[in-house]
Amino acid sequence: RPALQTPTLFFFSFCLLPMIDHVLPEDWSNPTNEQQKSHREEPKFRIPLYLWTLFAVMSSVQTIGDISNMKNRLTLGDRIALIAGLGFFNGAIGITVSHELVHKASKFEKTLGYILLALVNYMHWGEEHLTGHHENVATPEDPATSKLNESVYAFLPRTIVGSWLSARNLEKERLRKEGKTEWTLSNRMLWNTILPMGMAAAIAKITKGGWRAVLAFYIQGVCAASMLEVVNYLEHYGLQRDKLPDGKYEPVNPTHSWNSPHRISNSLLVKLQRHSDHHTYSMRPYHLLRNFKESPQLPSGYPGMYILSLFPPAFFWIMNPLVKAHKENKERLMESPDEPFSKSKELIKAEKSAYNKMLVFNVSALLGGGYLLRKWTIHLLQSHTH
């Protein structure tokens, strides 16, 4: 039953997977300079992204059809679970794949990327991410950069509204340079609304699900977009670019993003956790991204950090000392610019402490999640029996 399958999926993704990541050896392997040149456009790394796009569209149509079909035997709990599960896949995997595709110069890949964004009604994010976020990351001007001591619950409304307004302002500026007003069919913000509406209507027509299918489409989109923004919360939490004497911010460098060397989550998220290298070389394909121990490192992969972020006191307990140590280490290095990069004893100590605290949290999440899943399974079995 979906009411059991989806909680089991969440338990595996957010409770069990982080523990597997902890047990397995970390992945610090990086492509060589030769591989950077010869493996850049290898089909075996691009075709899976194209196939996922096709799978995402087909599975979304099928799932929304099941949700909106009132003649099947699904309960309300089953339908809610299907919406949550679809939002999880379209957010955790779908938008991650979209992120890789929209960053590329190929019109074909960009189109596939925006199809995935249309599938979750979040098309405006694509252009804002490329033009706004990558320009303003780790500054107060970026709505997608979380602040020190800002909870994920405060961040979500700020980034969702702020990113939409930023996308609108960027589009107004683009149109102004072309001598056009907002009220034109060339306005991409207009199409960012119309195309998902058309997709929702098409799915409703195919599935014969009517308004229920349209409602399911938009609700799973909210779930997917929320997953994306929680990951945004993690990627730059508390990190800041310094303002230079001329009023500009220092160039983006590897100290402005959090990374993770955890093997399984990195593979599932197409190396998104090698985030510093992505911001330094935004056009670099995912399979060629690198990670270095000198960059800020999260104490767990994104799945473990995701569930941690939902508990702000625990998140601040683990992350704030790490942010402070990185800031102090950066200040120390700026005082001696000719010296090679090195980690202070305080930073090394903070990293070990964060890792140990995270391990305690992950064990607690595994035990607590397992207990709740067991109780939920018994409840479903008993209700089915009655």
Foldseek 3Di string as FASTA:
>chain_A
DLLQVLLVVLLCLQFVVQVVLVPDDFAQDADDPVCLPPVQPPVVQVVVLVVVLVVLLVVLLVLLLVLLPPPDPDDPSNSVSSLLSNLCCLQQQVQLSLLLQCLAPDPVSPVSSQSSCLQLLRNLLSVCCVPPCLQQAQHPLQLLEAAQLQALVNSVVSSVVSSLVSSQVVQQVVQVVVVHHCPDPVRVVVVSRVSSVVSQVVSCVVSVSPPSSSVSSNSSSVSSVSSNSLVSHQFQYNGHFDQDPVRHTDRQALQRTEAERRDPLCVSSLNVRLPRQCSVPVNGRSVNRGHDPLGHYALTDPSNVSVQSVPSVLNSVQCVQLSVQSVVLVVVCVVPVVDDRDHDPSNVVSSVVSNVSSVVVSVVSSVVSVVVSVVSVVVVVVVVVD
